[in-house]
PDB file of N, CA and C in Angstrom:
ATOM      1  N   UNK A   1    -154.296 -50.075  24.615  1.00  0.00           N
ATOM      2  CA  UNK A   1    -154.123 -51.403  24.256  1.00  0.00           C
ATOM      3  C   UNK A   1    -153.960 -52.588  25.234  1.00  0.00           C
ATOM      4  N   UNK A   2    -154.579 -53.998  24.997  1.00  0.00           N
ATOM      5  CA  UNK A   2    -154.564 -54.581  26.011  1.00  0.00           C
ATOM      6  C   UNK A   2    -155.348 -54.527  27.299  1.00  0.00           C
ATOM      7  N   UNK A   3    -156.618 -53.684  27.197  1.00  0.00           N
ATOM      8  CA  UNK A   3    -157.272 -53.307  28.169  1.00  0.00           C
ATOM      9  C   UNK A   3    -158.815 -53.249  27.481  1.00  0.00           C
ATOM     10  N   UNK A   4    -159.351 -54.287  26.654  1.00  0.00           N
ATOM     11  CA  UNK A   4    -160.675 -54.231  26.115  1.00  0.00           C
ATOM     12  C   UNK A   4    -161.762 -54.412  27.098  1.00  0.00           C
ATOM     13  N   UNK A   5    -161.606 -55.324  28.142  1.00  0.00           N
ATOM     14  CA  UNK A   5    -162.286 -55.594  28.752  1.00  0.00           C
ATOM     15  C   UNK A   5    -162.653 -54.525  29.905  1.00  0.00           C
ATOM     16  N   UNK A   6    -161.538 -54.088  30.434  1.00  0.00           N
ATOM     17  CA  UNK A   6    -161.717 -52.826  31.156  1.00  0.00           C
ATOM     18  C   UNK A   6    -162.326 -51.655  30.830  1.00  0.00           C
ATOM     19  N   UNK A   7    -161.926 -51.504  29.372  1.00  0.00           N
ATOM     20  CA  UNK A   7    -162.545 -50.094  28.845  1.00  0.00           C
ATOM     21  C   UNK A   7    -163.851 -50.398  28.574  1.00  0.00           C
ATOM     22  N   UNK A   8    -164.386 -51.684  28.263  1.00  0.00           N
ATOM     23  CA  UNK A   8    -165.779 -51.836  28.271  1.00  0.00           C
ATOM     24  C   UNK A   8    -166.671 -51.696  29.447  1.00  0.00           C
ATOM     25  N   UNK A   9    -166.002 -52.088  30.506  1.00  0.00           N
ATOM     26  CA  UNK A   9    -166.711 -52.106  31.696  1.00  0.00           C
ATOM     27  C   UNK A   9    -166.672 -50.625  32.164  1.00  0.00           C
ATOM     28  N   UNK A  10    -165.759 -49.921  31.705  1.00  0.00           N
ATOM     29  CA  UNK A  10    -165.745 -48.333  32.147  1.00  0.00           C
ATOM     30  C   UNK A  10    -166.756 -47.633  31.613  1.00  0.00           C
ATOM     31  N   UNK A  11    -167.004 -47.915  30.545  1.00  0.00           N
ATOM     32  CA  UNK A  11    -168.157 -47.357  29.654  1.00  0.00           C
ATOM     33  C   UNK A  11    -169.471 -47.772  29.937  1.00  0.00           C
ATOM     34  N   UNK A  12    -169.558 -49.009  30.337  1.00  0.00           N
ATOM     35  CA  UNK A  12    -170.762 -49.726  30.644  1.00  0.00           C
ATOM     36  C   UNK A  12    -171.347 -49.058  31.887  1.00  0.00           C
ATOM     37  N   UNK A  13    -170.297 -48.646  32.846  1.00  0.00           N
ATOM     38  CA  UNK A  13    -170.719 -48.159  34.216  1.00  0.00           C
ATOM     39  C   UNK A  13    -171.329 -46.742  33.812  1.00  0.00           C
ATOM     40  N   UNK A  14    -170.297 -46.027  32.698  1.00  0.00           N
ATOM     41  CA  UNK A  14    -170.877 -44.697  32.250  1.00  0.00           C
ATOM     42  C   UNK A  14    -172.419 -44.643  31.816  1.00  0.00           C
ATOM     43  N   UNK A  15    -172.692 -45.717  31.130  1.00  0.00           N
ATOM     44  CA  UNK A  15    -174.180 -45.984  30.252  1.00  0.00           C
ATOM     45  C   UNK A  15    -175.190 -46.298  31.528  1.00  0.00           C
ATOM     46  N   UNK A  16    -174.442 -47.262  32.387  1.00  0.00           N
ATOM     47  CA  UNK A  16    -175.578 -47.317  33.635  1.00  0.00           C
ATOM     48  C   UNK A  16    -175.763 -46.219  34.579  1.00  0.00           C
ATOM     49  N   UNK A  17    -174.606 -45.341  34.535  1.00  0.00           N
ATOM     50  CA  UNK A  17    -175.255 -44.290  35.614  1.00  0.00           C
ATOM     51  C   UNK A  17    -176.224 -43.334  34.811  1.00  0.00           C
ATOM     52  N   UNK A  18    -175.771 -43.139  33.388  1.00  0.00           N
ATOM     53  CA  UNK A  18    -176.768 -42.086  32.827  1.00  0.00           C
ATOM     54  C   UNK A  18    -178.354 -42.632  32.714  1.00  0.00           C
ATOM     55  N   UNK A  19    -178.429 -44.160  32.829  1.00  0.00           N
ATOM     56  CA  UNK A  19    -179.762 -44.841  32.577  1.00  0.00           C
ATOM     57  C   UNK A  19    -180.384 -44.418  34.040  1.00  0.00           C
ATOM     58  N   UNK A  20    -179.410 -44.800  34.920  1.00  0.00           N
ATOM     59  CA  UNK A  20    -180.077 -45.026  36.553  1.00  0.00           C
ATOM     60  C   UNK A  20    -180.449 -43.538  36.846  1.00  0.00           C
ATOM     61  N   UNK A  21    -179.529 -42.470  36.420  1.00  0.00           N
ATOM     62  CA  UNK A  21    -179.977 -40.926  36.901  1.00  0.00           C
ATOM     63  C   UNK A  21    -181.417 -40.813  36.097  1.00  0.00           C
ATOM     64  N   UNK A  22    -181.710 -41.121  34.744  1.00  0.00           N
ATOM     65  CA  UNK A  22    -182.849 -41.033  34.035  1.00  0.00           C
ATOM     66  C   UNK A  22    -183.951 -41.669  35.000  1.00  0.00           C
ATOM     67  N   UNK A  23    -183.894 -42.848  35.470  1.00  0.00           N
ATOM     68  CA  UNK A  23    -184.704 -43.763  36.272  1.00  0.00           C
ATOM     69  C   UNK A  23    -185.128 -42.954  37.461  1.00  0.00           C
ATOM     70  N   UNK A  24    -184.302 -42.590  38.121  1.00  0.00           N
ATOM     71  CA  UNK A  24    -184.542 -41.899  39.578  1.00  0.00           C
ATOM     72  C   UNK A  24    -184.947 -40.289  39.520  1.00  0.00           C
ATOM     73  N   UNK A  25    -185.120 -39.864  38.068  1.00  0.00           N
ATOM     74  CA  UNK A  25    -185.500 -38.598  38.266  1.00  0.00           C
ATOM     75  C   UNK A  25    -186.757 -38.129  38.771  1.00  0.00           C
ATOM     76  N   UNK A  26    -186.926 -36.999  39.470  1.00  0.00           N
ATOM     77  CA  UNK A  26    -187.783 -36.798  40.212  1.00  0.00           C
ATOM     78  C   UNK A  26    -187.887 -37.232  42.045  1.00  0.00           C
ATOM     79  N   UNK A  27    -186.929 -38.098  41.955  1.00  0.00           N
ATOM     80  CA  UNK A  27    -186.655 -38.592  43.529  1.00  0.00           C
ATOM     81  C   UNK A  27    -185.616 -37.829  43.960  1.00  0.00           C
ATOM     82  N   UNK A  28    -185.420 -38.192  45.282  1.00  0.00           N
ATOM     83  CA  UNK A  28    -184.301 -37.387  45.858  1.00  0.00           C
ATOM     84  C   UNK A  28    -182.819 -38.213  46.173  1.00  0.00           C
ATOM     85  N   UNK A  29    -183.003 -39.056  45.016  1.00  0.00           N
ATOM     86  CA  UNK A  29    -181.630 -40.048  44.896  1.00  0.00           C
ATOM     87  C   UNK A  29    -180.720 -39.632  43.731  1.00  0.00           C
ATOM     88  N   UNK A  30    -179.339 -39.079  44.217  1.00  0.00           N
ATOM     89  CA  UNK A  30    -178.646 -38.909  43.158  1.00  0.00           C
ATOM     90  C   UNK A  30    -177.792 -40.006  42.595  1.00  0.00           C
ATOM     91  N   UNK A  31    -176.915 -39.587  41.525  1.00  0.00           N
ATOM     92  CA  UNK A  31    -176.274 -40.595  40.938  1.00  0.00           C
ATOM     93  C   UNK A  31    -174.826 -40.012  40.430  1.00  0.00           C
ATOM     94  N   UNK A  32    -174.017 -40.563  41.046  1.00  0.00           N
ATOM     95  CA  UNK A  32    -172.575 -39.828  40.699  1.00  0.00           C
ATOM     96  C   UNK A  32    -171.560 -40.848  40.044  1.00  0.00           C
ATOM     97  N   UNK A  33    -171.095 -40.921  38.942  1.00  0.00           N
ATOM     98  CA  UNK A  33    -170.097 -41.508  38.380  1.00  0.00           C
ATOM     99  C   UNK A  33    -168.707 -41.119  38.632  1.00  0.00           C
ATOM    100  N   UNK A  34    -168.121 -41.941  39.376  1.00  0.00           N
ATOM    101  CA  UNK A  34    -166.529 -41.883  39.944  1.00  0.00           C
ATOM    102  C   UNK A  34    -165.620 -42.258  38.700  1.00  0.00           C
ATOM    103  N   UNK A  35    -164.649 -41.555  38.155  1.00  0.00           N
ATOM    104  CA  UNK A  35    -163.648 -42.361  37.214  1.00  0.00           C
ATOM    105  C   UNK A  35    -162.511 -41.482  37.883  1.00  0.00           C
ATOM    106  N   UNK A  36    -162.024 -42.609  38.659  1.00  0.00           N
ATOM    107  CA  UNK A  36    -160.472 -42.411  38.945  1.00  0.00           C
ATOM    108  C   UNK A  36    -159.353 -43.067  38.581  1.00  0.00           C
ATOM    109  N   UNK A  37    -158.306 -42.278  38.816  1.00  0.00           N
ATOM    110  CA  UNK A  37    -156.978 -42.813  38.075  1.00  0.00           C
ATOM    111  C   UNK A  37    -156.685 -44.045  39.115  1.00  0.00           C
ATOM    112  N   UNK A  38    -155.155 -44.295  39.017  1.00  0.00           N
ATOM    113  CA  UNK A  38    -154.667 -45.310  39.775  1.00  0.00           C
ATOM    114  C   UNK A  38    -154.794 -45.043  41.291  1.00  0.00           C
ATOM    115  N   UNK A  39    -155.438 -46.156  42.156  1.00  0.00           N
ATOM    116  CA  UNK A  39    -155.496 -45.961  43.468  1.00  0.00           C
ATOM    117  C   UNK A  39    -154.833 -46.885  44.311  1.00  0.00           C
ATOM    118  N   UNK A  40    -153.854 -46.333  45.302  1.00  0.00           N
ATOM    119  CA  UNK A  40    -152.910 -47.244  45.781  1.00  0.00           C
ATOM    120  C   UNK A  40    -153.505 -48.219  46.656  1.00  0.00           C
ATOM    121  N   UNK A  41    -153.392 -49.460  46.151  1.00  0.00           N
ATOM    122  CA  UNK A  41    -153.887 -50.931  46.816  1.00  0.00           C
ATOM    123  C   UNK A  41    -152.884 -51.771  46.872  1.00  0.00           C
ATOM    124  N   UNK A  42    -153.575 -53.137  47.093  1.00  0.00           N
ATOM    125  CA  UNK A  42    -152.738 -54.222  46.583  1.00  0.00           C
ATOM    126  C   UNK A  42    -153.362 -54.895  45.521  1.00  0.00           C
ATOM    127  N   UNK A  43    -154.032 -54.318  44.819  1.00  0.00           N
ATOM    128  CA  UNK A  43    -154.545 -54.910  43.374  1.00  0.00           C
ATOM    129  C   UNK A  43    -153.148 -55.130  42.562  1.00  0.00           C
ATOM    130  N   UNK A  44    -152.084 -54.550  42.169  1.00  0.00           N
ATOM    131  CA  UNK A  44    -151.096 -54.431  41.319  1.00  0.00           C
ATOM    132  C   UNK A  44    -150.267 -55.705  42.081  1.00  0.00           C
ATOM    133  N   UNK A  45    -150.008 -55.782  43.425  1.00  0.00           N
ATOM    134  CA  UNK A  45    -149.288 -56.900  43.835  1.00  0.00           C
ATOM    135  C   UNK A  45    -150.104 -58.223  43.688  1.00  0.00           C
ATOM    136  N   UNK A  46    -151.481 -58.000  43.704  1.00  0.00           N
ATOM    137  CA  UNK A  46    -152.150 -59.504  43.392  1.00  0.00           C
ATOM    138  C   UNK A  46    -152.381 -59.589  42.202  1.00  0.00           C
ATOM    139  N   UNK A  47    -151.986 -59.160  41.248  1.00  0.00           N
ATOM    140  CA  UNK A  47    -152.173 -59.427  40.063  1.00  0.00           C
ATOM    141  C   UNK A  47    -151.319 -58.902  38.997  1.00  0.00           C
ATOM    142  N   UNK A  48    -150.018 -59.826  39.091  1.00  0.00           N
ATOM    143  CA  UNK A  48    -148.588 -59.538  38.665  1.00  0.00           C
ATOM    144  C   UNK A  48    -148.879 -59.436  36.893  1.00  0.00           C
ATOM    145  N   UNK A  49    -148.104 -58.516  36.578  1.00  0.00           N
ATOM    146  CA  UNK A  49    -148.051 -57.952  34.978  1.00  0.00           C
ATOM    147  C   UNK A  49    -148.997 -56.907  34.659  1.00  0.00           C
ATOM    148  N   UNK A  50    -150.040 -56.691  35.314  1.00  0.00           N
ATOM    149  CA  UNK A  50    -151.292 -55.585  35.278  1.00  0.00           C
ATOM    150  C   UNK A  50    -150.462 -54.473  35.327  1.00  0.00           C
ATOM    151  N   UNK A  51    -149.530 -53.699  35.842  1.00  0.00           N
ATOM    152  CA  UNK A  51    -149.138 -52.634  36.012  1.00  0.00           C
ATOM    153  C   UNK A  51    -148.415 -52.223  34.944  1.00  0.00           C
ATOM    154  N   UNK A  52    -147.631 -53.302  34.291  1.00  0.00           N
ATOM    155  CA  UNK A  52    -146.624 -53.014  33.020  1.00  0.00           C
ATOM    156  C   UNK A  52    -147.547 -52.949  31.939  1.00  0.00           C
ATOM    157  N   UNK A  53    -148.653 -53.116  31.749  1.00  0.00           N
ATOM    158  CA  UNK A  53    -149.879 -53.158  30.879  1.00  0.00           C
ATOM    159  C   UNK A  53    -150.338 -51.495  30.616  1.00  0.00           C
ATOM    160  N   UNK A  54    -150.354 -51.065  31.623  1.00  0.00           N
ATOM    161  CA  UNK A  54    -150.661 -49.565  31.852  1.00  0.00           C
ATOM    162  C   UNK A  54    -150.095 -48.537  30.497  1.00  0.00           C
ATOM    163  N   UNK A  55    -150.873 -47.748  30.112  1.00  0.00           N
ATOM    164  CA  UNK A  55    -150.092 -47.092  29.202  1.00  0.00           C
ATOM    165  C   UNK A  55    -149.324 -46.121  29.892  1.00  0.00           C
ATOM    166  N   UNK A  56    -148.074 -45.930  29.308  1.00  0.00           N
ATOM    167  CA  UNK A  56    -147.092 -44.990  30.081  1.00  0.00           C
ATOM    168  C   UNK A  56    -147.900 -43.559  30.339  1.00  0.00           C
ATOM    169  N   UNK A  57    -148.565 -42.957  29.410  1.00  0.00           N
ATOM    170  CA  UNK A  57    -149.160 -41.754  29.916  1.00  0.00           C
ATOM    171  C   UNK A  57    -149.751 -41.724  31.302  1.00  0.00           C
ATOM    172  N   UNK A  58    -150.247 -42.718  31.619  1.00  0.00           N
ATOM    173  CA  UNK A  58    -150.689 -42.945  33.213  1.00  0.00           C
ATOM    174  C   UNK A  58    -149.804 -42.663  34.612  1.00  0.00           C
ATOM    175  N   UNK A  59    -148.266 -42.088  33.859  1.00  0.00           N
ATOM    176  CA  UNK A  59    -147.199 -41.865  34.755  1.00  0.00           C
ATOM    177  C   UNK A  59    -147.261 -40.416  35.102  1.00  0.00           C
ATOM    178  N   UNK A  60    -148.270 -39.762  34.139  1.00  0.00           N
ATOM    179  CA  UNK A  60    -148.205 -38.206  34.266  1.00  0.00           C
ATOM    180  C   UNK A  60    -149.247 -37.944  35.496  1.00  0.00           C
ATOM    181  N   UNK A  61    -150.189 -38.872  36.110  1.00  0.00           N
ATOM    182  CA  UNK A  61    -151.181 -38.579  36.993  1.00  0.00           C
ATOM    183  C   UNK A  61    -150.732 -39.383  38.093  1.00  0.00           C
ATOM    184  N   UNK A  62    -150.581 -38.602  39.353  1.00  0.00           N
ATOM    185  CA  UNK A  62    -150.438 -39.277  40.664  1.00  0.00           C
ATOM    186  C   UNK A  62    -151.102 -40.271  41.224  1.00  0.00           C
ATOM    187  N   UNK A  63    -150.609 -41.138  41.594  1.00  0.00           N
ATOM    188  CA  UNK A  63    -151.400 -42.193  42.623  1.00  0.00           C
ATOM    189  C   UNK A  63    -152.287 -41.614  43.525  1.00  0.00           C
ATOM    190  N   UNK A  64    -153.578 -42.299  43.767  1.00  0.00           N
ATOM    191  CA  UNK A  64    -154.191 -41.421  44.594  1.00  0.00           C
ATOM    192  C   UNK A  64    -154.311 -42.469  45.741  1.00  0.00           C
ATOM    193  N   UNK A  65    -154.607 -41.870  47.156  1.00  0.00           N
ATOM    194  CA  UNK A  65    -155.018 -42.868  48.143  1.00  0.00           C
ATOM    195  C   UNK A  65    -156.308 -43.222  48.250  1.00  0.00           C
ATOM    196  N   UNK A  66    -156.604 -44.396  49.075  1.00  0.00           N
ATOM    197  CA  UNK A  66    -158.146 -44.523  48.951  1.00  0.00           C
ATOM    198  C   UNK A  66    -158.848 -43.425  50.026  1.00  0.00           C
ATOM    199  N   UNK A  67    -157.918 -42.723  50.735  1.00  0.00           N
ATOM    200  CA  UNK A  67    -158.771 -41.695  51.398  1.00  0.00           C
ATOM    201  C   UNK A  67    -159.012 -40.459  50.619  1.00  0.00           C
ATOM    202  N   UNK A  68    -158.165 -40.210  49.607  1.00  0.00           N
ATOM    203  CA  UNK A  68    -158.264 -38.955  48.514  1.00  0.00           C
ATOM    204  C   UNK A  68    -159.705 -39.324  47.777  1.00  0.00           C
ATOM    205  N   UNK A  69    -159.617 -40.507  47.240  1.00  0.00           N
ATOM    206  CA  UNK A  69    -160.921 -40.759  46.730  1.00  0.00           C
ATOM    207  C   UNK A  69    -162.248 -40.630  47.193  1.00  0.00           C
ATOM    208  N   UNK A  70    -162.096 -41.287  48.621  1.00  0.00           N
ATOM    209  CA  UNK A  70    -163.112 -41.267  49.539  1.00  0.00           C
ATOM    210  C   UNK A  70    -163.787 -39.613  49.780  1.00  0.00           C
ATOM    211  N   UNK A  71    -162.815 -38.912  50.019  1.00  0.00           N
ATOM    212  CA  UNK A  71    -162.902 -37.383  50.216  1.00  0.00           C
ATOM    213  C   UNK A  71    -163.757 -36.996  48.846  1.00  0.00           C
ATOM    214  N   UNK A  72    -163.285 -37.179  47.737  1.00  0.00           N
ATOM    215  CA  UNK A  72    -163.828 -36.796  46.362  1.00  0.00           C
ATOM    216  C   UNK A  72    -164.910 -37.079  46.544  1.00  0.00           C
ATOM    217  N   UNK A  73    -165.343 -38.690  46.843  1.00  0.00           N
ATOM    218  CA  UNK A  73    -166.490 -38.933  46.458  1.00  0.00           C
ATOM    219  C   UNK A  73    -167.803 -38.240  47.286  1.00  0.00           C
ATOM    220  N   UNK A  74    -167.120 -38.072  48.633  1.00  0.00           N
ATOM    221  CA  UNK A  74    -168.075 -37.364  49.710  1.00  0.00           C
ATOM    222  C   UNK A  74    -168.324 -35.877  49.334  1.00  0.00           C
ATOM    223  N   UNK A  75    -167.659 -35.376  48.800  1.00  0.00           N
ATOM    224  CA  UNK A  75    -167.563 -33.941  48.195  1.00  0.00           C
ATOM    225  C   UNK A  75    -168.659 -33.857  47.058  1.00  0.00           C
ATOM    226  N   UNK A  76    -168.509 -34.692  46.081  1.00  0.00           N
ATOM    227  CA  UNK A  76    -169.249 -34.869  44.743  1.00  0.00           C
ATOM    228  C   UNK A  76    -170.638 -35.429  45.062  1.00  0.00           C
ATOM    229  N   UNK A  77    -170.941 -36.152  46.221  1.00  0.00           N
ATOM    230  CA  UNK A  77    -172.302 -36.314  46.864  1.00  0.00           C
ATOM    231  C   UNK A  77    -172.920 -35.180  47.435  1.00  0.00           C
ATOM    232  N   UNK A  78    -172.068 -34.708  48.135  1.00  0.00           N
ATOM    233  CA  UNK A  78    -172.738 -33.738  49.017  1.00  0.00           C
ATOM    234  C   UNK A  78    -173.154 -32.176  47.806  1.00  0.00           C
ATOM    235  N   UNK A  79    -172.459 -32.188  46.562  1.00  0.00           N
ATOM    236  CA  UNK A  79    -172.548 -31.310  45.434  1.00  0.00           C
ATOM    237  C   UNK A  79    -173.707 -31.690  44.723  1.00  0.00           C
ATOM    238  N   UNK A  80    -174.087 -33.006  44.552  1.00  0.00           N
ATOM    239  CA  UNK A  80    -174.847 -33.748  43.781  1.00  0.00           C
ATOM    240  C   UNK A  80    -174.412 -33.839  42.411  1.00  0.00           C
ATOM    241  N   UNK A  81    -173.017 -34.047  42.161  1.00  0.00           N
ATOM    242  CA  UNK A  81    -172.491 -34.197  40.999  1.00  0.00           C
ATOM    243  C   UNK A  81    -172.587 -35.234  40.173  1.00  0.00           C
ATOM    244  N   UNK A  82    -172.697 -34.898  39.000  1.00  0.00           N
ATOM    245  CA  UNK A  82    -173.334 -36.259  37.890  1.00  0.00           C
ATOM    246  C   UNK A  82    -172.075 -37.077  37.729  1.00  0.00           C
ATOM    247  N   UNK A  83    -170.799 -36.652  37.911  1.00  0.00           N
ATOM    248  CA  UNK A  83    -169.452 -36.987  37.369  1.00  0.00           C
ATOM    249  C   UNK A  83    -168.120 -36.411  38.124  1.00  0.00           C
ATOM    250  N   UNK A  84    -167.315 -37.371  38.676  1.00  0.00           N
ATOM    251  CA  UNK A  84    -166.105 -36.709  39.098  1.00  0.00           C
ATOM    252  C   UNK A  84    -165.042 -37.357  38.220  1.00  0.00           C
ATOM    253  N   UNK A  85    -163.955 -36.670  37.741  1.00  0.00           N
ATOM    254  CA  UNK A  85    -162.874 -37.510  37.190  1.00  0.00           C
ATOM    255  C   UNK A  85    -161.452 -37.128  38.024  1.00  0.00           C
ATOM    256  N   UNK A  86    -160.872 -37.937  38.694  1.00  0.00           N
ATOM    257  CA  UNK A  86    -159.765 -37.764  39.771  1.00  0.00           C
ATOM    258  C   UNK A  86    -158.592 -38.495  39.544  1.00  0.00           C
ATOM    259  N   UNK A  87    -157.671 -37.986  39.281  1.00  0.00           N
ATOM    260  CA  UNK A  87    -156.829 -36.624  39.520  1.00  0.00           C
ATOM    261  C   UNK A  87    -157.325 -35.621  38.528  1.00  0.00           C
ATOM    262  N   UNK A  88    -156.891 -34.403  38.996  1.00  0.00           N
ATOM    263  CA  UNK A  88    -157.258 -33.597  38.053  1.00  0.00           C
ATOM    264  C   UNK A  88    -156.660 -33.465  36.678  1.00  0.00           C
ATOM    265  N   UNK A  89    -155.471 -34.013  36.488  1.00  0.00           N
ATOM    266  CA  UNK A  89    -154.663 -34.373  35.448  1.00  0.00           C
ATOM    267  C   UNK A  89    -155.527 -35.186  34.425  1.00  0.00           C
ATOM    268  N   UNK A  90    -155.889 -36.126  35.224  1.00  0.00           N
ATOM    269  CA  UNK A  90    -156.853 -37.189  34.484  1.00  0.00           C
ATOM    270  C   UNK A  90    -158.103 -36.268  33.699  1.00  0.00           C
ATOM    271  N   UNK A  91    -158.534 -35.448  34.541  1.00  0.00           N
ATOM    272  CA  UNK A  91    -159.845 -34.760  34.087  1.00  0.00           C
ATOM    273  C   UNK A  91    -159.251 -33.948  32.914  1.00  0.00           C
ATOM    274  N   UNK A  92    -157.939 -33.283  32.875  1.00  0.00           N
ATOM    275  CA  UNK A  92    -157.642 -32.687  31.695  1.00  0.00           C
ATOM    276  C   UNK A  92    -157.208 -33.432  30.601  1.00  0.00           C
ATOM    277  N   UNK A  93    -157.091 -34.682  30.519  1.00  0.00           N
ATOM    278  CA  UNK A  93    -156.892 -35.450  29.735  1.00  0.00           C
ATOM    279  C   UNK A  93    -158.181 -35.946  29.144  1.00  0.00           C
ATOM    280  N   UNK A  94    -159.316 -36.147  29.506  1.00  0.00           N
ATOM    281  CA  UNK A  94    -160.651 -36.430  29.392  1.00  0.00           C
ATOM    282  C   UNK A  94    -161.067 -35.233  28.419  1.00  0.00           C
ATOM    283  N   UNK A  95    -160.657 -34.126  28.970  1.00  0.00           N
ATOM    284  CA  UNK A  95    -161.174 -32.608  28.176  1.00  0.00           C
ATOM    285  C   UNK A  95    -160.333 -32.454  26.877  1.00  0.00           C
ATOM    286  N   UNK A  96    -159.237 -32.944  26.860  1.00  0.00           N
ATOM    287  CA  UNK A  96    -158.455 -32.916  25.584  1.00  0.00           C
ATOM    288  C   UNK A  96    -158.841 -34.054  24.620  1.00  0.00           C
ATOM    289  N   UNK A  97    -158.941 -35.195  25.456  1.00  0.00           N
ATOM    290  CA  UNK A  97    -159.719 -36.071  24.384  1.00  0.00           C
ATOM    291  C   UNK A  97    -161.291 -35.740  23.671  1.00  0.00           C
ATOM    292  N   UNK A  98    -161.770 -34.846  24.304  1.00  0.00           N
ATOM    293  CA  UNK A  98    -163.314 -34.362  23.674  1.00  0.00           C
ATOM    294  C   UNK A  98    -162.976 -33.449  22.633  1.00  0.00           C
ATOM    295  N   UNK A  99    -161.741 -32.729  22.543  1.00  0.00           N
ATOM    296  CA  UNK A  99    -161.631 -31.980  21.452  1.00  0.00           C
ATOM    297  C   UNK A  99    -160.468 -32.417  20.231  1.00  0.00           C
ATOM    298  N   UNK A 100    -159.452 -33.359  20.823  1.00  0.00           N
ATOM    299  CA  UNK A 100    -158.580 -33.989  19.933  1.00  0.00           C
ATOM    300  C   UNK A 100    -158.370 -35.453  19.887  1.00  0.00           C
ATOM    301  N   UNK A 101    -159.524 -36.256  20.042  1.00  0.00           N
ATOM    302  CA  UNK A 101    -159.260 -37.468  20.273  1.00  0.00           C
ATOM    303  C   UNK A 101    -158.465 -38.389  19.570  1.00  0.00           C
ATOM    304  N   UNK A 102    -157.976 -38.092  18.173  1.00  0.00           N
ATOM    305  CA  UNK A 102    -157.436 -38.917  17.629  1.00  0.00           C
ATOM    306  C   UNK A 102    -155.651 -38.951  18.373  1.00  0.00           C
ATOM    307  N   UNK A 103    -155.576 -37.384  18.595  1.00  0.00           N
ATOM    308  CA  UNK A 103    -154.031 -37.033  19.387  1.00  0.00           C
ATOM    309  C   UNK A 103    -154.183 -37.819  20.663  1.00  0.00           C
ATOM    310  N   UNK A 104    -155.165 -37.923  21.568  1.00  0.00           N
ATOM    311  CA  UNK A 104    -154.834 -38.589  22.737  1.00  0.00           C
ATOM    312  C   UNK A 104    -155.128 -39.829  22.488  1.00  0.00           C
ATOM    313  N   UNK A 105    -155.811 -40.511  21.644  1.00  0.00           N
ATOM    314  CA  UNK A 105    -155.697 -42.063  21.383  1.00  0.00           C
ATOM    315  C   UNK A 105    -154.457 -42.621  20.735  1.00  0.00           C
ATOM    316  N   UNK A 106    -153.854 -41.704  19.927  1.00  0.00           N
ATOM    317  CA  UNK A 106    -152.575 -42.181  19.328  1.00  0.00           C
ATOM    318  C   UNK A 106    -151.689 -42.014  20.675  1.00  0.00           C
ATOM    319  N   UNK A 107    -151.718 -41.440  21.389  1.00  0.00           N
ATOM    320  CA  UNK A 107    -150.725 -41.271  22.665  1.00  0.00           C
ATOM    321  C   UNK A 107    -150.757 -42.308  23.112  1.00  0.00           C
ATOM    322  N   UNK A 108    -152.117 -42.780  23.367  1.00  0.00           N
ATOM    323  CA  UNK A 108    -152.232 -43.905  24.515  1.00  0.00           C
ATOM    324  C   UNK A 108    -151.796 -45.053  23.725  1.00  0.00           C
ATOM    325  N   UNK A 109    -152.059 -45.277  22.351  1.00  0.00           N
ATOM    326  CA  UNK A 109    -151.779 -46.642  21.732  1.00  0.00           C
ATOM    327  C   UNK A 109    -150.077 -46.676  21.522  1.00  0.00           C
ATOM    328  N   UNK A 110    -149.514 -45.552  21.405  1.00  0.00           N
ATOM    329  CA  UNK A 110    -148.225 -45.311  21.199  1.00  0.00           C
ATOM    330  C   UNK A 110    -147.141 -45.646  22.641  1.00  0.00           C
ATOM    331  N   UNK A 111    -147.950 -45.141  23.813  1.00  0.00           N
ATOM    332  CA  UNK A 111    -147.324 -45.521  25.213  1.00  0.00           C
ATOM    333  C   UNK A 111    -147.719 -46.849  25.574  1.00  0.00           C
ATOM    334  N   UNK A 112    -148.820 -47.438  25.355  1.00  0.00           N
ATOM    335  CA  UNK A 112    -149.409 -48.502  25.726  1.00  0.00           C
ATOM    336  C   UNK A 112    -148.649 -50.054  25.600  1.00  0.00           C
ATOM    337  N   UNK A 113    -149.337 -50.967  26.035  1.00  0.00           N
ATOM    338  CA  UNK A 113    -149.015 -52.112  25.937  1.00  0.00           C
ATOM    339  C   UNK A 113    -148.847 -52.720  24.459  1.00  0.00           C
ATOM    340  N   UNK A 114    -147.894 -53.411  24.264  1.00  0.00           N
ATOM    341  CA  UNK A 114    -147.655 -53.730  22.764  1.00  0.00           C
ATOM    342  C   UNK A 114    -147.767 -55.437  22.536  1.00  0.00           C
ATOM    343  N   UNK A 115    -148.655 -55.844  21.750  1.00  0.00           N
ATOM    344  CA  UNK A 115    -148.618 -57.313  21.858  1.00  0.00           C
ATOM    345  C   UNK A 115    -147.640 -57.991  21.238  1.00  0.00           C
ATOM    346  N   UNK A 116    -147.147 -59.022  21.948  1.00  0.00           N
ATOM    347  CA  UNK A 116    -145.831 -59.290  21.413  1.00  0.00           C
ATOM    348  C   UNK A 116    -146.072 -60.485  20.023  1.00  0.00           C
ATOM    349  N   UNK A 117    -144.936 -59.904  19.039  1.00  0.00           N
ATOM    350  CA  UNK A 117    -145.063 -60.517  17.792  1.00  0.00           C
ATOM    351  C   UNK A 117    -145.431 -62.159  17.746  1.00  0.00           C
ATOM    352  N   UNK A 118    -146.333 -62.483  16.849  1.00  0.00           N
ATOM    353  CA  UNK A 118    -146.445 -64.116  16.645  1.00  0.00           C
ATOM    354  C   UNK A 118    -145.321 -64.451  15.879  1.00  0.00           C
TER     355      UNK A 118
END
């Protein structure tokens, strides 16, 4: 809730990576989609109110350092991975969503940002 543009951008990147991978088939160029949870940075300091809008389920995931994300990306590139989802707890949530989408979506909605009453 409250993150429509962000969600659309994430899905656009997924579609873009699939299309780009198809376009580059047969070349020696790989494409890796990186799906990272919260990364420690100045983003939230520079965008007040943003962190409060994150679903509380996000508290289950550790905040990653830029170094952790970079190391995961390097490893994924070296192994020619199509996609990485980090941290592992976020990966587990993605897998749960594949099999029980309504459960995960319900939890995100219940713990997410609520639009103020008009």
